Amino acid sequence: NTTLPAIDFTGADLSGKSLMSVDFSMCTGLSASQVLAATSLTNVKLPAINFSGVDLTGKRLFGVDFTKCTGLTGTQLSNATNISNIRLTSEQYESMKTDLPSGKTIYVNDILTRIP
């Protein structure tokens, strides 16, 4: 895993990049559209990003840590291709669990949880 220091990503182009095992949690200026421009996201820890209204259709989000993010809905995540092992807080999970695809395995407050 690579933990990045507090870097300002304002305007950074991540398109075409494969992001694997990167911890962006201390970074600033990173938007949902920048992150989603990457070709793949695997085991990435995100900083506080607002995902309100963002289309996740077809995105592979294996192991992405959304615990600092806001505006995320179960419907958005259901539209993604792969949400296995994503990380959510219990508050996030409770607010969206009825819209999440059943049978998937995710982490809720770091506890492996199977969506009913």
N, C-alpha and C. Protein backbone atom coordinates (compact mmCIF):
# COMPACT_ATOMS: atom_id res chain seq x y z
N ASN A 1 0.82 -1.20 0.00
CA ASN A 1 0.00 0.00 0.00
C ASN A 1 0.86 1.25 0.00
N THR A 2 0.42 2.23 -0.75
CA THR A 2 1.12 3.50 -0.82
C THR A 2 0.26 4.57 -0.16
N THR A 3 0.73 5.14 0.94
CA THR A 3 0.01 6.22 1.60
C THR A 3 0.62 7.53 1.15
N LEU A 4 -0.18 8.36 0.50
CA LEU A 4 0.30 9.64 0.01
C LEU A 4 0.22 10.69 1.11
N PRO A 5 1.17 11.63 1.12
CA PRO A 5 1.09 12.74 2.07
C PRO A 5 -0.01 13.71 1.62
N ALA A 6 -0.18 14.80 2.31
CA ALA A 6 -1.21 15.79 1.96
C ALA A 6 -0.83 16.48 0.66
N ILE A 7 -1.33 15.97 -0.44
CA ILE A 7 -1.05 16.52 -1.77
C ILE A 7 -2.34 17.13 -2.30
N ASP A 8 -2.23 18.30 -2.95
CA ASP A 8 -3.38 18.95 -3.56
C ASP A 8 -3.53 18.42 -4.99
N PHE A 9 -4.61 17.70 -5.24
CA PHE A 9 -4.85 17.12 -6.55
C PHE A 9 -5.76 17.97 -7.43
N THR A 10 -5.99 19.22 -7.06
CA THR A 10 -6.85 20.09 -7.85
C THR A 10 -6.37 20.11 -9.30
N GLY A 11 -7.26 19.73 -10.21
CA GLY A 11 -6.95 19.77 -11.64
C GLY A 11 -6.10 18.61 -12.15
N ALA A 12 -5.71 17.69 -11.28
CA ALA A 12 -4.87 16.56 -11.72
C ALA A 12 -5.68 15.64 -12.64
N ASP A 13 -5.02 15.14 -13.69
CA ASP A 13 -5.65 14.24 -14.65
C ASP A 13 -5.27 12.80 -14.31
N LEU A 14 -6.24 12.03 -13.85
CA LEU A 14 -5.99 10.64 -13.49
C LEU A 14 -6.50 9.67 -14.56
N SER A 15 -6.96 10.22 -15.69
CA SER A 15 -7.50 9.36 -16.74
C SER A 15 -6.41 8.45 -17.29
N GLY A 16 -6.82 7.21 -17.52
CA GLY A 16 -5.87 6.22 -18.05
C GLY A 16 -4.97 5.61 -17.00
N LYS A 17 -5.08 6.04 -15.76
CA LYS A 17 -4.23 5.52 -14.69
C LYS A 17 -4.92 4.33 -14.02
N SER A 18 -4.13 3.37 -13.60
CA SER A 18 -4.63 2.24 -12.84
C SER A 18 -4.25 2.51 -11.38
N LEU A 19 -5.24 2.72 -10.53
CA LEU A 19 -4.99 3.07 -9.13
C LEU A 19 -5.21 1.84 -8.26
N MET A 20 -4.13 1.31 -7.73
CA MET A 20 -4.21 0.11 -6.89
C MET A 20 -3.49 0.35 -5.58
N SER A 21 -4.17 0.03 -4.47
CA SER A 21 -3.59 0.10 -3.13
C SER A 21 -2.95 1.46 -2.84
N VAL A 22 -3.71 2.53 -3.16
CA VAL A 22 -3.24 3.89 -2.88
C VAL A 22 -4.15 4.52 -1.84
N ASP A 23 -3.55 5.14 -0.82
CA ASP A 23 -4.29 5.83 0.23
C ASP A 23 -4.24 7.33 -0.04
N PHE A 24 -5.37 7.86 -0.52
CA PHE A 24 -5.50 9.29 -0.82
C PHE A 24 -6.13 10.05 0.35
N SER A 25 -6.32 9.41 1.50
CA SER A 25 -7.13 9.99 2.58
C SER A 25 -6.65 11.34 3.09
N MET A 26 -5.37 11.66 2.95
CA MET A 26 -4.88 12.96 3.42
C MET A 26 -4.80 13.99 2.30
N CYS A 27 -5.17 13.60 1.09
CA CYS A 27 -5.07 14.49 -0.06
C CYS A 27 -6.29 15.41 -0.16
N THR A 28 -6.11 16.51 -0.84
CA THR A 28 -7.18 17.49 -1.02
C THR A 28 -7.38 17.75 -2.51
N GLY A 29 -8.49 18.41 -2.83
CA GLY A 29 -8.75 18.84 -4.20
C GLY A 29 -9.10 17.72 -5.17
N LEU A 30 -9.40 16.55 -4.64
CA LEU A 30 -9.72 15.40 -5.48
C LEU A 30 -11.24 15.30 -5.62
N SER A 31 -11.72 15.20 -6.85
CA SER A 31 -13.16 15.10 -7.09
C SER A 31 -13.53 13.70 -7.54
N ALA A 32 -14.83 13.40 -7.47
CA ALA A 32 -15.32 12.10 -7.92
C ALA A 32 -15.01 11.89 -9.39
N SER A 33 -15.19 12.92 -10.21
CA SER A 33 -14.93 12.76 -11.65
C SER A 33 -13.46 12.48 -11.93
N GLN A 34 -12.55 13.07 -11.16
CA GLN A 34 -11.12 12.78 -11.33
C GLN A 34 -10.83 11.32 -11.01
N VAL A 35 -11.32 10.86 -9.87
CA VAL A 35 -11.06 9.48 -9.44
C VAL A 35 -11.66 8.49 -10.43
N LEU A 36 -12.88 8.76 -10.87
CA LEU A 36 -13.57 7.83 -11.76
C LEU A 36 -13.03 7.85 -13.18
N ALA A 37 -12.16 8.82 -13.50
CA ALA A 37 -11.52 8.85 -14.82
C ALA A 37 -10.42 7.80 -14.92
N ALA A 38 -9.96 7.29 -13.78
CA ALA A 38 -8.93 6.25 -13.77
C ALA A 38 -9.51 4.99 -14.42
N THR A 39 -8.64 4.20 -15.05
CA THR A 39 -9.11 2.99 -15.71
C THR A 39 -9.54 1.93 -14.71
N SER A 40 -8.91 1.92 -13.54
CA SER A 40 -9.33 0.97 -12.51
C SER A 40 -9.03 1.51 -11.13
N LEU A 41 -9.88 1.11 -10.18
CA LEU A 41 -9.73 1.48 -8.77
C LEU A 41 -9.79 0.20 -7.96
N THR A 42 -8.70 -0.16 -7.33
CA THR A 42 -8.65 -1.37 -6.53
C THR A 42 -7.99 -1.06 -5.19
N ASN A 43 -8.70 -1.33 -4.10
CA ASN A 43 -8.17 -1.09 -2.75
C ASN A 43 -7.64 0.32 -2.57
N VAL A 44 -8.43 1.29 -3.04
CA VAL A 44 -8.07 2.70 -2.93
C VAL A 44 -8.82 3.32 -1.76
N LYS A 45 -8.11 4.06 -0.92
CA LYS A 45 -8.74 4.77 0.20
C LYS A 45 -8.93 6.23 -0.21
N LEU A 46 -10.20 6.64 -0.27
CA LEU A 46 -10.52 7.98 -0.75
C LEU A 46 -10.58 9.01 0.37
N PRO A 47 -10.27 10.28 0.03
CA PRO A 47 -10.46 11.36 1.01
C PRO A 47 -11.93 11.77 0.99
N ALA A 48 -12.28 12.83 1.67
CA ALA A 48 -13.66 13.33 1.68
C ALA A 48 -14.01 13.83 0.27
N ILE A 49 -14.84 13.06 -0.42
CA ILE A 49 -15.31 13.41 -1.76
C ILE A 49 -16.83 13.32 -1.75
N ASN A 50 -17.48 14.30 -2.38
CA ASN A 50 -18.94 14.29 -2.48
C ASN A 50 -19.33 13.55 -3.76
N PHE A 51 -20.04 12.43 -3.62
CA PHE A 51 -20.47 11.63 -4.76
C PHE A 51 -21.92 11.90 -5.15
N SER A 52 -22.52 12.98 -4.67
CA SER A 52 -23.91 13.30 -5.01
C SER A 52 -24.10 13.37 -6.52
N GLY A 53 -25.04 12.56 -7.02
CA GLY A 53 -25.39 12.61 -8.43
C GLY A 53 -24.37 11.99 -9.38
N VAL A 54 -23.32 11.38 -8.87
CA VAL A 54 -22.27 10.81 -9.72
C VAL A 54 -22.73 9.44 -10.25
N ASP A 55 -22.53 9.22 -11.54
CA ASP A 55 -22.92 7.96 -12.16
C ASP A 55 -21.80 6.94 -12.02
N LEU A 56 -22.07 5.85 -11.31
CA LEU A 56 -21.07 4.80 -11.10
C LEU A 56 -21.31 3.58 -12.01
N THR A 57 -22.21 3.73 -12.97
CA THR A 57 -22.55 2.62 -13.87
C THR A 57 -21.31 2.06 -14.54
N GLY A 58 -21.14 0.74 -14.39
CA GLY A 58 -20.03 0.05 -15.05
C GLY A 58 -18.68 0.19 -14.38
N LYS A 59 -18.59 0.92 -13.27
CA LYS A 59 -17.30 1.12 -12.60
C LYS A 59 -16.94 -0.09 -11.75
N ARG A 60 -15.68 -0.46 -11.78
CA ARG A 60 -15.15 -1.54 -10.94
C ARG A 60 -14.54 -0.87 -9.70
N LEU A 61 -15.14 -1.12 -8.55
CA LEU A 61 -14.76 -0.42 -7.32
C LEU A 61 -14.28 -1.38 -6.24
N PHE A 62 -13.64 -2.46 -6.62
CA PHE A 62 -13.23 -3.49 -5.67
C PHE A 62 -12.37 -2.91 -4.55
N GLY A 63 -12.82 -3.08 -3.31
CA GLY A 63 -12.04 -2.69 -2.15
C GLY A 63 -11.90 -1.20 -1.92
N VAL A 64 -12.68 -0.36 -2.61
CA VAL A 64 -12.57 1.09 -2.44
C VAL A 64 -13.15 1.49 -1.08
N ASP A 65 -12.40 2.33 -0.37
CA ASP A 65 -12.81 2.81 0.95
C ASP A 65 -13.53 4.15 0.79
N PHE A 66 -14.85 4.12 0.99
CA PHE A 66 -15.70 5.30 0.86
C PHE A 66 -16.03 5.92 2.22
N THR A 67 -15.38 5.52 3.29
CA THR A 67 -15.79 5.92 4.63
C THR A 67 -15.73 7.43 4.88
N LYS A 68 -14.92 8.16 4.14
CA LYS A 68 -14.86 9.61 4.32
C LYS A 68 -15.73 10.36 3.32
N CYS A 69 -16.37 9.63 2.42
CA CYS A 69 -17.14 10.24 1.34
C CYS A 69 -18.58 10.53 1.75
N THR A 70 -19.19 11.45 1.02
CA THR A 70 -20.57 11.84 1.26
C THR A 70 -21.36 11.73 -0.05
N GLY A 71 -22.69 11.79 0.08
CA GLY A 71 -23.55 11.83 -1.09
C GLY A 71 -23.69 10.53 -1.85
N LEU A 72 -23.17 9.45 -1.29
CA LEU A 72 -23.19 8.15 -1.96
C LEU A 72 -24.49 7.42 -1.63
N THR A 73 -25.10 6.79 -2.63
CA THR A 73 -26.34 6.06 -2.40
C THR A 73 -26.18 4.59 -2.79
N GLY A 74 -27.07 3.77 -2.27
CA GLY A 74 -27.07 2.37 -2.62
C GLY A 74 -27.38 2.15 -4.09
N THR A 75 -28.22 2.99 -4.66
CA THR A 75 -28.55 2.88 -6.08
C THR A 75 -27.31 3.14 -6.93
N GLN A 76 -26.54 4.14 -6.57
CA GLN A 76 -25.29 4.41 -7.30
C GLN A 76 -24.38 3.18 -7.26
N LEU A 77 -24.17 2.65 -6.06
CA LEU A 77 -23.29 1.50 -5.91
C LEU A 77 -23.83 0.27 -6.62
N SER A 78 -25.15 0.10 -6.66
CA SER A 78 -25.76 -1.03 -7.36
C SER A 78 -25.48 -0.98 -8.86
N ASN A 79 -25.29 0.21 -9.39
CA ASN A 79 -25.02 0.38 -10.82
C ASN A 79 -23.56 0.08 -11.18
N ALA A 80 -22.70 0.00 -10.19
CA ALA A 80 -21.29 -0.31 -10.45
C ALA A 80 -21.15 -1.79 -10.81
N THR A 81 -20.11 -2.11 -11.55
CA THR A 81 -19.87 -3.49 -11.97
C THR A 81 -19.41 -4.36 -10.81
N ASN A 82 -18.55 -3.81 -9.95
CA ASN A 82 -18.01 -4.60 -8.85
C ASN A 82 -17.85 -3.73 -7.61
N ILE A 83 -18.58 -4.08 -6.54
CA ILE A 83 -18.44 -3.35 -5.27
C ILE A 83 -17.95 -4.28 -4.16
N SER A 84 -17.43 -5.44 -4.52
CA SER A 84 -16.95 -6.37 -3.50
C SER A 84 -15.87 -5.72 -2.64
N ASN A 85 -15.98 -5.96 -1.35
CA ASN A 85 -15.00 -5.49 -0.37
C ASN A 85 -14.87 -3.98 -0.25
N ILE A 86 -15.87 -3.22 -0.74
CA ILE A 86 -15.81 -1.78 -0.50
C ILE A 86 -15.95 -1.55 1.00
N ARG A 87 -15.56 -0.38 1.45
CA ARG A 87 -15.64 -0.04 2.87
C ARG A 87 -16.59 1.14 3.07
N LEU A 88 -17.53 0.93 4.01
CA LEU A 88 -18.50 1.96 4.37
C LEU A 88 -18.55 2.08 5.88
N THR A 89 -19.03 3.23 6.36
CA THR A 89 -19.29 3.36 7.79
C THR A 89 -20.65 2.72 8.06
N SER A 90 -20.96 2.46 9.32
CA SER A 90 -22.27 1.89 9.64
C SER A 90 -23.38 2.87 9.28
N GLU A 91 -23.13 4.17 9.41
CA GLU A 91 -24.12 5.18 9.05
C GLU A 91 -24.41 5.13 7.55
N GLN A 92 -23.35 5.05 6.74
CA GLN A 92 -23.53 4.96 5.30
C GLN A 92 -24.33 3.70 4.95
N TYR A 93 -23.92 2.58 5.53
CA TYR A 93 -24.57 1.30 5.23
C TYR A 93 -26.05 1.32 5.61
N GLU A 94 -26.36 1.82 6.79
CA GLU A 94 -27.75 1.86 7.24
C GLU A 94 -28.62 2.71 6.32
N SER A 95 -28.06 3.78 5.78
CA SER A 95 -28.84 4.68 4.93
C SER A 95 -29.06 4.12 3.53
N MET A 96 -28.29 3.11 3.13
CA MET A 96 -28.39 2.63 1.75
C MET A 96 -28.61 1.13 1.60
N LYS A 97 -28.63 0.39 2.70
CA LYS A 97 -28.60 -1.07 2.59
C LYS A 97 -29.76 -1.66 1.80
N THR A 98 -30.93 -1.03 1.84
CA THR A 98 -32.07 -1.59 1.11
C THR A 98 -31.88 -1.47 -0.41
N ASP A 99 -31.00 -0.60 -0.85
CA ASP A 99 -30.75 -0.41 -2.29
C ASP A 99 -29.51 -1.13 -2.79
N LEU A 100 -28.75 -1.74 -1.88
CA LEU A 100 -27.53 -2.44 -2.29
C LEU A 100 -27.87 -3.83 -2.83
N PRO A 101 -27.06 -4.33 -3.77
CA PRO A 101 -27.33 -5.66 -4.33
C PRO A 101 -27.09 -6.76 -3.30
N SER A 102 -28.06 -7.63 -3.13
CA SER A 102 -27.94 -8.68 -2.13
C SER A 102 -26.87 -9.70 -2.52
N GLY A 103 -26.27 -10.28 -1.47
CA GLY A 103 -25.26 -11.32 -1.68
C GLY A 103 -23.83 -10.81 -1.80
N LYS A 104 -23.65 -9.52 -1.99
CA LYS A 104 -22.30 -8.97 -2.09
C LYS A 104 -21.68 -8.90 -0.70
N THR A 105 -20.36 -8.97 -0.64
CA THR A 105 -19.63 -8.88 0.62
C THR A 105 -18.88 -7.55 0.65
N ILE A 106 -19.15 -6.77 1.71
CA ILE A 106 -18.50 -5.47 1.89
C ILE A 106 -18.03 -5.36 3.34
N TYR A 107 -17.26 -4.32 3.63
CA TYR A 107 -16.84 -4.05 4.99
C TYR A 107 -17.66 -2.88 5.54
N VAL A 108 -18.24 -3.09 6.71
CA VAL A 108 -18.97 -2.03 7.41
C VAL A 108 -18.27 -1.83 8.74
N ASN A 109 -17.71 -0.64 8.93
CA ASN A 109 -16.87 -0.36 10.11
C ASN A 109 -15.79 -1.44 10.28
N ASP A 110 -15.17 -1.81 9.18
CA ASP A 110 -14.09 -2.81 9.14
C ASP A 110 -14.52 -4.23 9.47
N ILE A 111 -15.84 -4.48 9.49
CA ILE A 111 -16.36 -5.84 9.74
C ILE A 111 -16.91 -6.38 8.43
N LEU A 112 -16.40 -7.52 8.00
CA LEU A 112 -16.86 -8.15 6.77
C LEU A 112 -18.35 -8.47 6.90
N THR A 113 -19.14 -7.95 5.97
CA THR A 113 -20.60 -8.04 6.05
C THR A 113 -21.16 -8.51 4.71
N ARG A 114 -22.06 -9.49 4.77
CA ARG A 114 -22.73 -9.93 3.55
C ARG A 114 -24.06 -9.21 3.47
N ILE A 115 -24.32 -8.55 2.34
CA ILE A 115 -25.56 -7.81 2.16
C ILE A 115 -26.70 -8.82 2.01
N PRO A 116 -27.73 -8.72 2.87
CA PRO A 116 -28.83 -9.70 2.82
C PRO A 116 -29.66 -9.60 1.54
